[in-house]
Every structure is written in C-alpha cells, then in structure tokens.
C-alpha atoms as a PDB file:
ATOM      1  CA  UNK A   1     -22.095 -16.045  58.498  1.00  0.00           C
ATOM      2  CA  UNK A   2     -24.610 -14.247  56.863  1.00  0.00           C
ATOM      3  CA  UNK A   3     -22.704 -11.436  56.715  1.00  0.00           C
ATOM      4  CA  UNK A   4     -19.608 -13.048  55.683  1.00  0.00           C
ATOM      5  CA  UNK A   5     -21.853 -14.212  52.450  1.00  0.00           C
ATOM      6  CA  UNK A   6     -23.605 -10.462  52.015  1.00  0.00           C
ATOM      7  CA  UNK A   7     -19.949  -9.030  52.501  1.00  0.00           C
ATOM      8  CA  UNK A   8     -19.281 -11.333  49.123  1.00  0.00           C
ATOM      9  CA  UNK A   9     -22.408 -10.616  47.533  1.00  0.00           C
ATOM     10  CA  UNK A  10     -20.890  -7.136  47.667  1.00  0.00           C
ATOM     11  CA  UNK A  11     -18.092  -7.619  46.115  1.00  0.00           C
ATOM     12  CA  UNK A  12     -18.721  -9.998  43.712  1.00  0.00           C
ATOM     13  CA  UNK A  13     -21.376  -7.028  42.798  1.00  0.00           C
ATOM     14  CA  UNK A  14     -18.787  -4.523  42.564  1.00  0.00           C
ATOM     15  CA  UNK A  15     -16.521  -6.017  40.359  1.00  0.00           C
ATOM     16  CA  UNK A  16     -19.381  -6.636  37.757  1.00  0.00           C
ATOM     17  CA  UNK A  17     -20.401  -3.199  37.560  1.00  0.00           C
ATOM     18  CA  UNK A  18     -17.047  -2.404  37.157  1.00  0.00           C
ATOM     19  CA  UNK A  19     -16.315  -4.533  34.817  1.00  0.00           C
ATOM     20  CA  UNK A  20     -19.625  -3.753  32.793  1.00  0.00           C
ATOM     21  CA  UNK A  21     -18.219   0.441  33.126  1.00  0.00           C
ATOM     22  CA  UNK A  22     -14.786  -0.400  32.124  1.00  0.00           C
ATOM     23  CA  UNK A  23     -17.027  -2.566  29.131  1.00  0.00           C
ATOM     24  CA  UNK A  24     -19.276  -0.042  28.205  1.00  0.00           C
ATOM     25  CA  UNK A  25     -16.379   2.605  28.630  1.00  0.00           C
ATOM     26  CA  UNK A  26     -13.672   0.787  25.426  1.00  0.00           C
ATOM     27  CA  UNK A  27     -17.215   1.009  23.551  1.00  0.00           C
ATOM     28  CA  UNK A  28     -18.042   4.424  23.479  1.00  0.00           C
ATOM     29  CA  UNK A  29     -14.084   4.864  22.988  1.00  0.00           C
ATOM     30  CA  UNK A  30     -14.689   3.036  20.126  1.00  0.00           C
ATOM     31  CA  UNK A  31     -18.040   5.005  18.775  1.00  0.00           C
ATOM     32  CA  UNK A  32     -16.745   8.716  19.828  1.00  0.00           C
ATOM     33  CA  UNK A  33     -12.759   8.108  18.636  1.00  0.00           C
ATOM     34  CA  UNK A  34     -12.571   9.291  14.928  1.00  0.00           C
ATOM     35  CA  UNK A  35     -10.665   7.336  12.361  1.00  0.00           C
ATOM     36  CA  UNK A  36      -9.034  10.626  10.638  1.00  0.00           C
ATOM     37  CA  UNK A  37      -7.854  10.153   6.950  1.00  0.00           C
ATOM     38  CA  UNK A  38      -5.771  12.986   4.192  1.00  0.00           C
ATOM     39  CA  UNK A  39      -5.692  12.046   0.676  1.00  0.00           C
ATOM     40  CA  UNK A  40      -3.050  13.665  -1.774  1.00  0.00           C
ATOM     41  CA  UNK A  41      -3.148  12.903  -5.748  1.00  0.00           C
ATOM     42  CA  UNK A  42      -1.689  13.991  -8.098  1.00  0.00           C
ATOM     43  CA  UNK A  43      -1.267  13.815 -12.129  1.00  0.00           C
ATOM     44  CA  UNK A  44       0.314  14.802 -14.916  1.00  0.00           C
ATOM     45  CA  UNK A  45      -1.504  13.763 -18.760  1.00  0.00           C
ATOM     46  CA  UNK A  46      -0.041  10.099 -18.181  1.00  0.00           C
ATOM     47  CA  UNK A  47      -0.624   7.081 -16.547  1.00  0.00           C
ATOM     48  CA  UNK A  48       2.904   6.816 -14.964  1.00  0.00           C
ATOM     49  CA  UNK A  49       2.920  10.740 -13.869  1.00  0.00           C
ATOM     50  CA  UNK A  50      -0.144   9.702 -11.081  1.00  0.00           C
ATOM     51  CA  UNK A  51       1.068  10.119  -7.637  1.00  0.00           C
ATOM     52  CA  UNK A  52      -0.966   9.639  -4.471  1.00  0.00           C
ATOM     53  CA  UNK A  53      -0.618   8.973  -0.776  1.00  0.00           C
ATOM     54  CA  UNK A  54      -3.416   8.256   1.896  1.00  0.00           C
ATOM     55  CA  UNK A  55      -2.830   8.416   5.519  1.00  0.00           C
ATOM     56  CA  UNK A  56      -5.174   7.163   8.170  1.00  0.00           C
ATOM     57  CA  UNK A  57      -4.550   6.745  12.313  1.00  0.00           C
ATOM     58  CA  UNK A  58      -7.102   5.768  14.664  1.00  0.00           C
ATOM     59  CA  UNK A  59      -7.669   5.660  18.623  1.00  0.00           C
ATOM     60  CA  UNK A  60      -4.853   7.741  19.407  1.00  0.00           C
ATOM     61  CA  UNK A  61      -2.495   6.499  16.927  1.00  0.00           C
ATOM     62  CA  UNK A  62      -2.687   2.902  17.844  1.00  0.00           C
ATOM     63  CA  UNK A  63      -4.147   2.243  14.565  1.00  0.00           C
ATOM     64  CA  UNK A  64      -2.351   3.955  11.431  1.00  0.00           C
ATOM     65  CA  UNK A  65      -1.475   3.227   8.557  1.00  0.00           C
ATOM     66  CA  UNK A  66      -0.070   4.645   4.633  1.00  0.00           C
ATOM     67  CA  UNK A  67      -1.172   3.541   0.842  1.00  0.00           C
ATOM     68  CA  UNK A  68       1.727   5.092  -1.340  1.00  0.00           C
ATOM     69  CA  UNK A  69       1.030   4.673  -4.977  1.00  0.00           C
ATOM     70  CA  UNK A  70       4.614   6.410  -7.149  1.00  0.00           C
ATOM     71  CA  UNK A  71       6.130   5.682 -10.360  1.00  0.00           C
ATOM     72  CA  UNK A  72       3.598   3.046 -11.112  1.00  0.00           C
ATOM     73  CA  UNK A  73       4.348   0.814  -7.824  1.00  0.00           C
ATOM     74  CA  UNK A  74       2.187   0.683  -4.543  1.00  0.00           C
ATOM     75  CA  UNK A  75       3.097  -0.264  -0.856  1.00  0.00           C
ATOM     76  CA  UNK A  76       1.457   0.072   1.840  1.00  0.00           C
ATOM     77  CA  UNK A  77       1.908  -0.087   5.996  1.00  0.00           C
ATOM     78  CA  UNK A  78      -0.224  -0.481   8.628  1.00  0.00           C
ATOM     79  CA  UNK A  79       0.176  -0.630  12.142  1.00  0.00           C
ATOM     80  CA  UNK A  80      -1.693  -1.979  14.768  1.00  0.00           C
ATOM     81  CA  UNK A  81      -0.458  -1.310  18.578  1.00  0.00           C
ATOM     82  CA  UNK A  82       2.986  -3.705  18.488  1.00  0.00           C
ATOM     83  CA  UNK A  83       2.204  -5.613  15.234  1.00  0.00           C
ATOM     84  CA  UNK A  84       3.625  -3.747  12.077  1.00  0.00           C
ATOM     85  CA  UNK A  85       2.135  -5.245   8.223  1.00  0.00           C
ATOM     86  CA  UNK A  86       3.923  -4.120   5.097  1.00  0.00           C
ATOM     87  CA  UNK A  87       4.482  -4.268   1.588  1.00  0.00           C
ATOM     88  CA  UNK A  88       8.980  -4.063   2.241  1.00  0.00           C
ATOM     89  CA  UNK A  89       8.283  -6.779   5.062  1.00  0.00           C
ATOM     90  CA  UNK A  90       6.689  -9.094   1.486  1.00  0.00           C
ATOM     91  CA  UNK A  91       9.784  -8.319  -0.608  1.00  0.00           C
ATOM     92  CA  UNK A  92      11.884  -9.121   1.683  1.00  0.00           C
ATOM     93  CA  UNK A  93      10.290 -12.473   2.472  1.00  0.00           C
ATOM     94  CA  UNK A  94       9.953 -13.053  -1.312  1.00  0.00           C
ATOM     95  CA  UNK A  95      13.949 -11.835  -1.749  1.00  0.00           C
ATOM     96  CA  UNK A  96      14.686 -14.610   1.364  1.00  0.00           C
ATOM     97  CA  UNK A  97      13.256 -16.955  -0.760  1.00  0.00           C
ATOM     98  CA  UNK A  98      15.118 -16.400  -4.208  1.00  0.00           C
ATOM     99  CA  UNK A  99      18.153 -16.214  -2.117  1.00  0.00           C
ATOM    100  CA  UNK A 100      17.718 -19.477  -0.777  1.00  0.00           C
ATOM    101  CA  UNK A 101      17.025 -20.935  -4.195  1.00  0.00           C
ATOM    102  CA  UNK A 102      20.448 -19.343  -5.762  1.00  0.00           C
ATOM    103  CA  UNK A 103      21.744 -21.249  -3.181  1.00  0.00           C
ATOM    104  CA  UNK A 104      20.350 -25.046  -4.257  1.00  0.00           C
ATOM    105  CA  UNK A 105      22.480 -25.604  -7.281  1.00  0.00           C
ATOM    106  CA  UNK A 106      25.512 -24.505  -5.357  1.00  0.00           C
ATOM    107  CA  UNK A 107      25.044 -27.026  -2.977  1.00  0.00           C
ATOM    108  CA  UNK A 108      24.211 -29.735  -6.182  1.00  0.00           C
ATOM    109  CA  UNK A 109      27.526 -28.913  -7.765  1.00  0.00           C
ATOM    110  CA  UNK A 110      29.344 -30.237  -4.033  1.00  0.00           C
ATOM    111  CA  UNK A 111      27.652 -33.314  -4.609  1.00  0.00           C
ATOM    112  CA  UNK A 112      29.404 -36.719  -5.294  1.00  0.00           C
ATOM    113  CA  UNK A 113      29.967 -37.888  -9.006  1.00  0.00           C
ATOM    114  CA  UNK A 114      27.965 -40.926  -8.349  1.00  0.00           C
ATOM    115  CA  UNK A 115      24.873 -39.014  -6.910  1.00  0.00           C
ATOM    116  CA  UNK A 116      25.315 -37.051 -10.396  1.00  0.00           C
ATOM    117  CA  UNK A 117      25.544 -39.989 -12.417  1.00  0.00           C
ATOM    118  CA  UNK A 118      22.526 -41.560 -10.658  1.00  0.00           C
ATOM    119  CA  UNK A 119      20.578 -38.859 -10.456  1.00  0.00           C
ATOM    120  CA  UNK A 120      20.701 -38.386 -14.851  1.00  0.00           C
ATOM    121  CA  UNK A 121      19.485 -41.657 -15.192  1.00  0.00           C
ATOM    122  CA  UNK A 122      16.437 -41.437 -13.020  1.00  0.00           C
ATOM    123  CA  UNK A 123      16.075 -38.656 -15.541  1.00  0.00           C
ATOM    124  CA  UNK A 124      16.488 -40.795 -18.781  1.00  0.00           C
ATOM    125  CA  UNK A 125      14.074 -43.525 -17.360  1.00  0.00           C
ATOM    126  CA  UNK A 126      12.089 -40.701 -16.729  1.00  0.00           C
ATOM    127  CA  UNK A 127      11.872 -39.027 -19.536  1.00  0.00           C
ATOM    128  CA  UNK A 128      11.702 -42.564 -21.340  1.00  0.00           C
ATOM    129  CA  UNK A 129       8.487 -43.571 -19.176  1.00  0.00           C
ATOM    130  CA  UNK A 130       6.892 -39.423 -20.798  1.00  0.00           C
ATOM    131  CA  UNK A 131       7.556 -40.625 -24.616  1.00  0.00           C
ATOM    132  CA  UNK A 132       6.031 -43.643 -23.743  1.00  0.00           C
ATOM    133  CA  UNK A 133       3.195 -42.227 -22.381  1.00  0.00           C
ATOM    134  CA  UNK A 134       2.816 -39.764 -25.105  1.00  0.00           C
ATOM    135  CA  UNK A 135       3.006 -42.266 -28.505  1.00  0.00           C
ATOM    136  CA  UNK A 136       0.201 -44.477 -26.182  1.00  0.00           C
ATOM    137  CA  UNK A 137      -1.642 -41.206 -25.927  1.00  0.00           C
ATOM    138  CA  UNK A 138      -1.881 -40.432 -29.652  1.00  0.00           C
ATOM    139  CA  UNK A 139      -2.413 -44.358 -30.145  1.00  0.00           C
ATOM    140  CA  UNK A 140      -5.812 -43.787 -28.682  1.00  0.00           C
ATOM    141  CA  UNK A 141      -6.172 -40.564 -30.479  1.00  0.00           C
ATOM    142  CA  UNK A 142      -6.062 -42.045 -33.451  1.00  0.00           C
ATOM    143  CA  UNK A 143      -7.761 -44.737 -32.485  1.00  0.00           C
ATOM    144  CA  UNK A 144     -10.744 -42.442 -31.212  1.00  0.00           C
ATOM    145  CA  UNK A 145     -10.666 -40.211 -34.575  1.00  0.00           C
ATOM    146  CA  UNK A 146     -10.990 -43.538 -36.754  1.00  0.00           C
ATOM    147  CA  UNK A 147     -13.860 -44.591 -34.381  1.00  0.00           C
ATOM    148  CA  UNK A 148     -15.754 -41.113 -34.647  1.00  0.00           C
ATOM    149  CA  UNK A 149     -15.197 -41.193 -38.775  1.00  0.00           C
ATOM    150  CA  UNK A 150     -16.914 -44.233 -38.974  1.00  0.00           C
ATOM    151  CA  UNK A 151     -19.827 -43.248 -36.573  1.00  0.00           C
ATOM    152  CA  UNK A 152     -20.407 -39.980 -38.641  1.00  0.00           C
ATOM    153  CA  UNK A 153     -24.110 -39.893 -39.563  1.00  0.00           C
ATOM    154  CA  UNK A 154     -26.481 -39.279 -42.973  1.00  0.00           C
ATOM    155  CA  UNK A 155     -26.945 -35.975 -44.405  1.00  0.00           C
ATOM    156  CA  UNK A 156     -30.115 -36.626 -43.263  1.00  0.00           C
ATOM    157  CA  UNK A 157     -29.972 -37.525 -39.903  1.00  0.00           C
ATOM    158  CA  UNK A 158     -27.668 -34.640 -39.527  1.00  0.00           C
ATOM    159  CA  UNK A 159     -30.674 -32.031 -41.067  1.00  0.00           C
ATOM    160  CA  UNK A 160     -33.203 -34.073 -38.850  1.00  0.00           C
ATOM    161  CA  UNK A 161     -31.653 -33.015 -35.950  1.00  0.00           C
ATOM    162  CA  UNK A 162     -30.201 -29.612 -36.852  1.00  0.00           C
ATOM    163  CA  UNK A 163     -34.072 -28.383 -37.186  1.00  0.00           C
ATOM    164  CA  UNK A 164     -34.998 -30.491 -33.526  1.00  0.00           C
ATOM    165  CA  UNK A 165     -32.197 -27.896 -32.458  1.00  0.00           C
ATOM    166  CA  UNK A 166     -34.065 -25.016 -34.084  1.00  0.00           C
ATOM    167  CA  UNK A 167     -37.478 -25.967 -32.590  1.00  0.00           C
ATOM    168  CA  UNK A 168     -35.845 -26.209 -29.176  1.00  0.00           C
ATOM    169  CA  UNK A 169     -34.022 -23.059 -28.909  1.00  0.00           C
ATOM    170  CA  UNK A 170     -37.419 -21.326 -30.061  1.00  0.00           C
ATOM    171  CA  UNK A 171     -39.255 -23.226 -27.930  1.00  0.00           C
ATOM    172  CA  UNK A 172     -36.991 -21.992 -24.957  1.00  0.00           C
ATOM    173  CA  UNK A 173     -36.750 -18.348 -26.236  1.00  0.00           C
ATOM    174  CA  UNK A 174     -40.701 -18.441 -26.181  1.00  0.00           C
ATOM    175  CA  UNK A 175     -40.358 -19.585 -22.737  1.00  0.00           C
ATOM    176  CA  UNK A 176     -37.951 -17.055 -21.653  1.00  0.00           C
ATOM    177  CA  UNK A 177     -40.244 -14.634 -22.902  1.00  0.00           C
ATOM    178  CA  UNK A 178     -43.015 -15.741 -20.858  1.00  0.00           C
ATOM    179  CA  UNK A 179     -41.108 -15.214 -18.114  1.00  0.00           C
ATOM    180  CA  UNK A 180     -39.879 -12.524 -18.387  1.00  0.00           C
ATOM    181  CA  UNK A 181     -43.539 -10.780 -18.793  1.00  0.00           C
ATOM    182  CA  UNK A 182     -43.859 -12.311 -15.187  1.00  0.00           C
ATOM    183  CA  UNK A 183     -41.250 -11.546 -13.552  1.00  0.00           C
ATOM    184  CA  UNK A 184     -41.796  -7.833 -14.425  1.00  0.00           C
ATOM    185  CA  UNK A 185     -45.152  -8.208 -13.378  1.00  0.00           C
ATOM    186  CA  UNK A 186     -44.459  -9.252 -10.295  1.00  0.00           C
ATOM    187  CA  UNK A 187     -41.598  -7.027  -9.719  1.00  0.00           C
ATOM    188  CA  UNK A 188     -43.636  -3.738 -10.228  1.00  0.00           C
ATOM    189  CA  UNK A 189     -46.041  -4.432  -8.069  1.00  0.00           C
ATOM    190  CA  UNK A 190     -43.628  -5.265  -5.846  1.00  0.00           C
ATOM    191  CA  UNK A 191     -41.554  -2.149  -6.203  1.00  0.00           C
ATOM    192  CA  UNK A 192     -45.430   0.107  -6.081  1.00  0.00           C
ATOM    193  CA  UNK A 193     -46.268  -1.341  -2.558  1.00  0.00           C
ATOM    194  CA  UNK A 194     -46.704   1.688  -0.543  1.00  0.00           C
ATOM    195  CA  UNK A 195     -44.567   0.317   2.554  1.00  0.00           C
ATOM    196  CA  UNK A 196     -42.001  -0.995   0.026  1.00  0.00           C
ATOM    197  CA  UNK A 197     -42.241   2.564  -1.176  1.00  0.00           C
ATOM    198  CA  UNK A 198     -41.816   4.192   2.182  1.00  0.00           C
ATOM    199  CA  UNK A 199     -38.710   1.406   3.772  1.00  0.00           C
ATOM    200  CA  UNK A 200     -36.805   2.974   0.342  1.00  0.00           C
ATOM    201  CA  UNK A 201     -37.368   6.504   1.158  1.00  0.00           C
ATOM    202  CA  UNK A 202     -36.952   6.254   4.629  1.00  0.00           C
ATOM    203  CA  UNK A 203     -33.182   4.180   3.793  1.00  0.00           C
ATOM    204  CA  UNK A 204     -32.480   6.971   1.053  1.00  0.00           C
ATOM    205  CA  UNK A 205     -33.160  10.051   3.869  1.00  0.00           C
ATOM    206  CA  UNK A 206     -31.313   8.446   6.301  1.00  0.00           C
ATOM    207  CA  UNK A 207     -28.008   7.427   4.037  1.00  0.00           C
ATOM    208  CA  UNK A 208     -27.927  11.089   2.800  1.00  0.00           C
ATOM    209  CA  UNK A 209     -27.655  11.915   5.755  1.00  0.00           C
ATOM    210  CA  UNK A 210     -24.833   9.411   7.053  1.00  0.00           C
ATOM    211  CA  UNK A 211     -23.169  11.137   4.428  1.00  0.00           C
ATOM    212  CA  UNK A 212     -22.961  14.449   5.013  1.00  0.00           C
ATOM    213  CA  UNK A 213     -21.249  13.370   7.912  1.00  0.00           C
ATOM    214  CA  UNK A 214     -18.497  11.424   6.457  1.00  0.00           C
ATOM    215  CA  UNK A 215     -18.360  14.981   3.969  1.00  0.00           C
ATOM    216  CA  UNK A 216     -14.355  15.992   4.475  1.00  0.00           C
ATOM    217  CA  UNK A 217     -13.119  18.883   6.934  1.00  0.00           C
ATOM    218  CA  UNK A 218     -11.112  19.893   4.268  1.00  0.00           C
ATOM    219  CA  UNK A 219      -9.748  19.792   1.056  1.00  0.00           C
ATOM    220  CA  UNK A 220      -9.190  21.543  -2.493  1.00  0.00           C
ATOM    221  CA  UNK A 221      -9.610  19.630  -5.544  1.00  0.00           C
ATOM    222  CA  UNK A 222      -8.555  20.726  -8.806  1.00  0.00           C
ATOM    223  CA  UNK A 223      -9.022  18.858 -11.942  1.00  0.00           C
ATOM    224  CA  UNK A 224      -8.826  20.219 -15.796  1.00  0.00           C
ATOM    225  CA  UNK A 225     -10.091  17.615 -17.812  1.00  0.00           C
ATOM    226  CA  UNK A 226     -10.633  17.015 -22.277  1.00  0.00           C
ATOM    227  CA  UNK A 227     -11.746  14.771 -24.385  1.00  0.00           C
ATOM    228  CA  UNK A 228     -11.002  14.164 -28.327  1.00  0.00           C
ATOM    229  CA  UNK A 229     -14.804  13.875 -28.666  1.00  0.00           C
ATOM    230  CA  UNK A 230     -16.509  17.631 -27.385  1.00  0.00           C
ATOM    231  CA  UNK A 231     -19.027  15.421 -26.843  1.00  0.00           C
ATOM    232  CA  UNK A 232     -18.046  13.077 -23.921  1.00  0.00           C
ATOM    233  CA  UNK A 233     -16.321  15.794 -22.454  1.00  0.00           C
ATOM    234  CA  UNK A 234     -19.766  17.237 -22.224  1.00  0.00           C
ATOM    235  CA  UNK A 235     -21.724  13.982 -20.980  1.00  0.00           C
ATOM    236  CA  UNK A 236     -18.617  13.186 -18.347  1.00  0.00           C
ATOM    237  CA  UNK A 237     -19.380  17.627 -17.223  1.00  0.00           C
ATOM    238  CA  UNK A 238     -23.185  16.241 -17.085  1.00  0.00           C
ATOM    239  CA  UNK A 239     -22.294  13.508 -14.721  1.00  0.00           C
ATOM    240  CA  UNK A 240     -20.120  15.846 -12.739  1.00  0.00           C
ATOM    241  CA  UNK A 241     -22.686  18.421 -12.136  1.00  0.00           C
ATOM    242  CA  UNK A 242     -25.038  16.216 -10.469  1.00  0.00           C
ATOM    243  CA  UNK A 243     -22.844  15.874  -7.217  1.00  0.00           C
ATOM    244  CA  UNK A 244     -21.052  19.520  -7.617  1.00  0.00           C
ATOM    245  CA  UNK A 245     -24.031  20.804  -5.152  1.00  0.00           C
ATOM    246  CA  UNK A 246     -22.481  19.064  -2.473  1.00  0.00           C
ATOM    247  CA  UNK A 247     -18.239  18.981  -3.606  1.00  0.00           C
ATOM    248  CA  UNK A 248     -18.443  22.365  -5.210  1.00  0.00           C
ATOM    249  CA  UNK A 249     -17.491  24.317  -2.064  1.00  0.00           C
ATOM    250  CA  UNK A 250     -13.670  23.269  -2.463  1.00  0.00           C
ATOM    251  CA  UNK A 251     -13.700  22.088  -5.914  1.00  0.00           C
ATOM    252  CA  UNK A 252     -12.532  23.635  -8.838  1.00  0.00           C
ATOM    253  CA  UNK A 253     -13.206  21.919 -11.735  1.00  0.00           C
ATOM    254  CA  UNK A 254     -12.315  23.035 -16.211  1.00  0.00           C
ATOM    255  CA  UNK A 255     -12.994  21.090 -19.135  1.00  0.00           C
ATOM    256  CA  UNK A 256     -11.509  21.586 -22.178  1.00  0.00           C
ATOM    257  CA  UNK A 257     -13.234  20.669 -25.177  1.00  0.00           C
ATOM    258  CA  UNK A 258     -10.805  21.097 -27.844  1.00  0.00           C
ATOM    259  CA  UNK A 259      -7.563  19.421 -26.265  1.00  0.00           C
ATOM    260  CA  UNK A 260      -7.119  15.793 -24.421  1.00  0.00           C
ATOM    261  CA  UNK A 261      -5.789  16.557 -21.152  1.00  0.00           C
ATOM    262  CA  UNK A 262      -6.055  15.036 -17.672  1.00  0.00           C
ATOM    263  CA  UNK A 263      -4.623  16.871 -14.732  1.00  0.00           C
ATOM    264  CA  UNK A 264      -5.230  18.163 -11.086  1.00  0.00           C
ATOM    265  CA  UNK A 265      -4.385  17.791  -7.436  1.00  0.00           C
ATOM    266  CA  UNK A 266      -6.776  16.173  -5.215  1.00  0.00           C
ATOM    267  CA  UNK A 267      -6.078  16.889  -1.068  1.00  0.00           C
ATOM    268  CA  UNK A 268      -8.334  15.652   1.013  1.00  0.00           C
ATOM    269  CA  UNK A 269      -8.439  15.526   4.993  1.00  0.00           C
ATOM    270  CA  UNK A 270     -11.660  14.311   6.762  1.00  0.00           C
ATOM    271  CA  UNK A 271     -12.663  11.857   9.986  1.00  0.00           C
ATOM    272  CA  UNK A 272     -15.155   9.199  10.783  1.00  0.00           C
ATOM    273  CA  UNK A 273     -16.617   7.967  13.803  1.00  0.00           C
ATOM    274  CA  UNK A 274     -18.543   4.760  14.243  1.00  0.00           C
ATOM    275  CA  UNK A 275     -20.616   6.245  15.775  1.00  0.00           C
ATOM    276  CA  UNK A 276     -22.398   7.722  12.820  1.00  0.00           C
ATOM    277  CA  UNK A 277     -23.465   4.186  10.811  1.00  0.00           C
ATOM    278  CA  UNK A 278     -24.355   2.345  14.346  1.00  0.00           C
ATOM    279  CA  UNK A 279     -26.784   5.333  14.593  1.00  0.00           C
ATOM    280  CA  UNK A 280     -27.771   4.947  10.674  1.00  0.00           C
ATOM    281  CA  UNK A 281     -28.149   1.036  11.298  1.00  0.00           C
ATOM    282  CA  UNK A 282     -30.416   1.791  14.255  1.00  0.00           C
ATOM    283  CA  UNK A 283     -32.281   4.877  12.785  1.00  0.00           C
ATOM    284  CA  UNK A 284     -33.691   1.937   9.883  1.00  0.00           C
ATOM    285  CA  UNK A 285     -33.785  -0.860  11.769  1.00  0.00           C
ATOM    286  CA  UNK A 286     -36.116   0.740  14.435  1.00  0.00           C
ATOM    287  CA  UNK A 287     -38.466   1.303  10.742  1.00  0.00           C
ATOM    288  CA  UNK A 288     -41.482  -1.248  10.921  1.00  0.00           C
ATOM    289  CA  UNK A 289     -41.678  -0.378   7.621  1.00  0.00           C
ATOM    290  CA  UNK A 290     -38.251  -1.134   6.757  1.00  0.00           C
ATOM    291  CA  UNK A 291     -38.131  -4.360   8.664  1.00  0.00           C
ATOM    292  CA  UNK A 292     -42.025  -5.411   6.520  1.00  0.00           C
ATOM    293  CA  UNK A 293     -40.322  -4.855   3.536  1.00  0.00           C
ATOM    294  CA  UNK A 294     -36.781  -6.968   4.500  1.00  0.00           C
ATOM    295  CA  UNK A 295     -38.988  -9.849   5.131  1.00  0.00           C
ATOM    296  CA  UNK A 296     -40.679  -9.927   1.863  1.00  0.00           C
ATOM    297  CA  UNK A 297     -37.514  -9.515  -0.084  1.00  0.00           C
ATOM    298  CA  UNK A 298     -36.910 -12.568   1.628  1.00  0.00           C
ATOM    299  CA  UNK A 299     -39.734 -13.890   0.587  1.00  0.00           C
ATOM    300  CA  UNK A 300     -39.638 -12.554  -2.400  1.00  0.00           C
ATOM    301  CA  UNK A 301     -39.168 -14.714  -5.806  1.00  0.00           C
ATOM    302  CA  UNK A 302     -39.235 -14.308  -9.123  1.00  0.00           C
END
C-alpha cells in the first residue's frame, strides 16, 4: 500500500515538473523571440503623395500584420494564429449593411395598399402632435421671456453686482498666486531631494540603454526639407541635430533655406525583444531610490 502511494506521488511530482518546465519554456520563448518590423515611407512635397507600409511578425510569423497608407487611405491586416482581422472585412460588413438598407424600400413597395394608407395616417398624426408640441414650447418661451423682462433689476443693483464680481475675481486671483508660490516651493524641494535625483538619473540611464537595444538593424533615411521662413528651417535642423548622433550612421538630412520643400524616403528594419523591456523593469524596480521615490510620488500632494 505504501509503495502504491509513493508511486502515485512520484507520478504527480513528475507531472508537476513537466507542466512547470513547459510553462518556463513558453515564457522563455516569448521573451527571447524577436518581433521583427519593417517600415517603408516616401513622399513628394504634398500629403497626397505620401505612402507608407509597416510590416511586422512575431513568434515565427504566428502573429503578423501589415499597415498600409496610400492615396490618403489607411488599411490594415492582422493575423493571430488562424484568426484574421482587417479593414477589408469591416468594409465588407458595412457594404452588406448598406445592401440590406437598400432592400427595405423595395420590400415596402410590395406591401398592400391598406397598410400603406395606415402608415400615412400615422405619419400625419405624428406630424400634428409635433406641431402642437412646438406651439406649446413657443408659448412657454414667450411666457418666460415676459417674466424675465418683468424681473429686470434696477441700474444700481446691476452695478452693485458687477462690483461684487470684480472683487471676487480679484480675490480669487490673489489666492491662486499664493497657492502657486506654495506649490512651487514644495515641488522644488521634492525635485532637489538627493534620493529623488538619484532615482531620476537611474531611470534615464536605463531608458537610454533600452533605446539602444531598439535601434534598427538596417536603415536608410533620406530627407530634404525647407520652409518659407529660413529661421524655421534652422530651428528644425537644430532639433534634428540633437538626435543626429543616434541616427547619423544611416541618415542623410538636406536642409533647403531658399525653397519650401518636403520630400524623402525612409526604410527601417529592426527587431524588438520582450526580454529587454523585462530587464529594464527589473533593474529599475530593484533600485532602492526608485522604490522610495515612487512611494513619495504616490503620497505627494501639491
């Protein structure tokens, strides 16, 4: 009897270990398997000429999709296993609904004349009731207007109310200024706290590391732009120069300070793994300063 019980426990233990190993294997596959994407975008001066396509797949194409923009129309398709979704299916369902609506008037024509006459009588009765309701509402509005005219206050009372409003508004503005000064002091003290500053720089470092893992594997970007005001072109170029160290390897940017122009092509191909996002979350949450700052943020009130 004892041997049978031990054998059953052994089998249950093996089953449990097998299920646990299978779950662990699935989690590892989900974390390690990359989501591959490819973006193609091009345009020539006008918004109508812009066209682009984004394709992606994950888990050996078990999940895949495509988003396409062309001729000012956005279409999309998604496949998850054996299930398929897409904008073309929505258009089909809308077309079927429209066809059903078109059939309704044809069916009404085949109705007997008696039912047709009854429907007309009901419509007339409904219109008559609506006209009566409109007349009653107009009378009520006229009566309210007369009462409002009778209740108009004197010039002195109106001036007194106006002065009270000005005093109330001025007092409210002064109270808001005082509260803003207090909020600024509290916010400055919160930001300048050493623990909070350390947590902030920790999050920034981890985000930069995470963004490096998301850099595309292959890319080719060529952009030529210019505005009517050369100053605006310079501002945009200055903004691009801030991120140029990260994208300059495969990017060509040509500013035009004399003509208004916007054209270019973009080709980006890369992959994203879930394990990088999980690693980011774990490194951030393991930091004591970050956890302390999060607790303080939840309790913080301006």
